Amino acid sequence: MNKQEQEREDKIALKRAKEDRRELLKSRGKLLGGGFVAGILATLIIGFSSGNFITPSNAERMAREAANDAQTAALVPYCVASFNESPDAEKNLAALLKTSEWMRDQFIRDGKWAGVGANSLTNGACARKLVTEAEAEAAKGT
């Protein structure tokens, strides 16, 4: 091989090497871009499924539930005390125990022992507390 042919082959080899390098950089860019997208998707899936991320609507729902729970926790002792201090407490307790379980919150609401405007959760919790206490007293007596 003479010198000119060698130079020509070197130029061709150099050109191929540059083309290969460009292809490698393109594929690496696609690979990195794909990895970036996959990483974002994995983060979102893991974050939402584990409960670390929440949507605004879930945050509002959780705040409402916490407020209702706090209201119920604050009003149940008041309701139980009001019920027990009422003039016909024994008669009302007997009527509450005879009332079906799903109507007990209505019974408490009608008697207004939990206060005006108490929600059904509060009324239901008050009824459950009164029934539990009555059953515990009955168990002690027998």
Protein backbone atom coordinates (compact mmCIF):
# COMPACT_ATOMS: atom_id res chain seq x y z
CA MET A 1 0.00 0.00 0.00
CA ASN A 2 1.32 3.36 -0.87
CA LYS A 3 1.18 6.50 1.18
CA GLN A 4 -1.82 8.03 -0.64
CA GLU A 5 -3.94 4.93 -0.20
CA GLN A 6 -3.01 4.79 3.47
CA GLU A 7 -4.03 8.46 3.95
CA ARG A 8 -7.29 7.81 2.12
CA GLU A 9 -8.10 4.80 4.33
CA ASP A 10 -7.18 6.82 7.43
CA LYS A 11 -9.61 9.57 6.37
CA ILE A 12 -12.37 7.00 5.79
CA ALA A 13 -11.67 5.39 9.18
CA LEU A 14 -11.68 8.81 10.87
CA LYS A 15 -14.97 9.69 9.17
CA ARG A 16 -16.52 6.39 10.32
CA ALA A 17 -15.25 6.97 13.87
CA LYS A 18 -16.85 10.43 13.92
CA GLU A 19 -20.15 9.00 12.64
CA ASP A 20 -20.01 6.22 15.25
CA ARG A 21 -19.36 8.79 17.96
CA ARG A 22 -22.36 10.88 16.82
CA GLU A 23 -24.58 7.78 16.87
CA LEU A 24 -23.30 6.86 20.31
CA LEU A 25 -24.05 10.35 21.63
CA LYS A 26 -27.56 10.25 20.11
CA SER A 27 -28.30 6.86 21.65
CA ARG A 28 -26.84 7.96 24.99
CA GLY A 29 -29.09 11.03 24.91
CA LYS A 30 -32.11 8.85 24.22
CA LEU A 31 -31.05 6.48 26.97
CA LEU A 32 -30.59 9.31 29.47
CA GLY A 33 -33.88 10.90 28.42
CA GLY A 34 -35.66 7.58 28.79
CA GLY A 35 -34.06 7.04 32.18
CA PHE A 36 -35.14 10.51 33.25
CA VAL A 37 -38.75 9.83 32.24
CA ALA A 38 -38.68 6.39 33.87
CA GLY A 39 -37.31 7.93 37.07
CA ILE A 40 -40.06 10.53 37.17
CA LEU A 41 -42.73 7.90 36.57
CA ALA A 42 -41.30 5.61 39.25
CA THR A 43 -41.19 8.51 41.72
CA LEU A 44 -44.81 9.42 41.02
CA ILE A 45 -46.05 5.84 41.23
CA ILE A 46 -44.20 5.11 44.47
CA GLY A 47 -45.09 8.49 45.97
CA PHE A 48 -48.82 8.27 45.34
CA SER A 49 -49.18 4.56 46.09
CA SER A 50 -47.35 4.85 49.43
CA GLY A 51 -49.37 7.90 50.46
CA ASN A 52 -46.39 10.26 50.57
CA PHE A 53 -48.00 12.45 47.90
CA ILE A 54 -51.63 13.51 48.11
CA THR A 55 -53.88 15.45 45.79
CA PRO A 56 -55.57 18.68 46.92
CA SER A 57 -58.96 16.97 47.00
CA ASN A 58 -57.59 14.24 49.30
CA ALA A 59 -56.04 16.89 51.53
CA GLU A 60 -59.39 18.68 51.80
CA ARG A 61 -61.17 15.40 52.57
CA MET A 62 -58.61 14.53 55.24
CA ALA A 63 -58.98 17.99 56.82
CA ARG A 64 -62.78 17.63 56.86
CA GLU A 65 -62.53 14.20 58.48
CA ALA A 66 -60.10 15.51 61.11
CA ALA A 67 -62.43 18.42 61.90
CA ASN A 68 -65.42 16.06 62.21
CA ASP A 69 -63.42 13.72 64.45
CA ALA A 70 -62.37 16.62 66.68
CA GLN A 71 -65.94 17.90 66.89
CA THR A 72 -67.21 14.43 67.76
CA ALA A 73 -64.52 13.92 70.41
CA ALA A 74 -65.40 17.27 71.98
CA LEU A 75 -69.19 16.87 71.94
CA VAL A 76 -69.64 13.23 72.99
CA PRO A 77 -68.81 13.84 76.69
CA TYR A 78 -71.18 16.83 76.69
CA CYS A 79 -73.89 14.73 75.05
CA VAL A 80 -73.49 11.86 77.53
CA ALA A 81 -73.59 14.28 80.48
CA SER A 82 -76.66 16.08 79.09
CA PHE A 83 -78.41 12.77 78.51
CA ASN A 84 -77.63 11.47 82.00
CA GLU A 85 -78.66 14.75 83.66
CA SER A 86 -82.00 14.95 81.87
CA PRO A 87 -85.09 14.46 84.06
CA ASP A 88 -86.17 11.24 82.32
CA ALA A 89 -82.69 9.75 81.89
CA GLU A 90 -83.63 6.19 82.87
CA LYS A 91 -86.74 6.20 80.69
CA ASN A 92 -84.78 7.69 77.77
CA LEU A 93 -82.01 5.11 78.20
CA ALA A 94 -84.53 2.28 78.08
CA ALA A 95 -86.06 3.81 74.95
CA LEU A 96 -82.59 4.24 73.40
CA LEU A 97 -81.75 0.59 74.06
CA LYS A 98 -85.02 -0.51 72.43
CA THR A 99 -84.37 1.70 69.39
CA SER A 100 -82.77 -0.05 66.43
CA GLU A 101 -79.06 0.56 66.08
CA TRP A 102 -79.35 2.56 62.87
CA MET A 103 -81.99 4.90 64.38
CA ARG A 104 -80.14 5.72 67.61
CA ASP A 105 -78.43 8.79 66.20
CA GLN A 106 -81.88 10.10 65.23
CA PHE A 107 -83.07 9.47 68.83
CA ILE A 108 -80.14 11.52 70.21
CA ARG A 109 -80.74 14.28 67.66
CA ASP A 110 -84.44 14.50 68.51
CA GLY A 111 -83.58 14.82 72.21
CA LYS A 112 -81.00 17.55 71.39
CA TRP A 113 -78.57 16.10 73.96
CA ALA A 114 -75.55 16.66 71.67
CA GLY A 115 -76.54 20.27 71.08
CA VAL A 116 -78.22 22.02 68.21
CA GLY A 117 -76.50 21.44 64.89
CA ALA A 118 -74.55 18.34 65.93
CA ASN A 119 -73.92 16.10 62.94
CA SER A 120 -75.00 12.49 62.63
CA LEU A 121 -71.48 11.26 63.43
CA THR A 122 -71.58 13.02 66.78
CA ASN A 123 -75.10 11.80 67.53
CA GLY A 124 -74.16 8.24 66.57
CA ALA A 125 -71.00 8.32 68.69
CA CYS A 126 -72.99 9.62 71.65
CA ALA A 127 -75.57 6.86 71.24
CA ARG A 128 -72.84 4.20 71.01
CA LYS A 129 -71.16 5.56 74.15
CA LEU A 130 -74.45 5.54 76.09
CA VAL A 131 -75.28 2.00 74.96
CA THR A 132 -71.76 0.78 75.79
CA GLU A 133 -71.97 2.31 79.27
CA ALA A 134 -75.44 0.82 79.84
CA GLU A 135 -74.25 -2.63 78.74
CA ALA A 136 -71.21 -2.36 81.03
CA GLU A 137 -73.46 -1.42 83.97
CA ALA A 138 -75.79 -4.32 83.17
CA ALA A 139 -72.82 -6.72 83.06
CA LYS A 140 -71.65 -5.48 86.47
CA GLY A 141 -75.10 -5.97 87.96
CA THR A 142 -75.45 -9.61 86.87
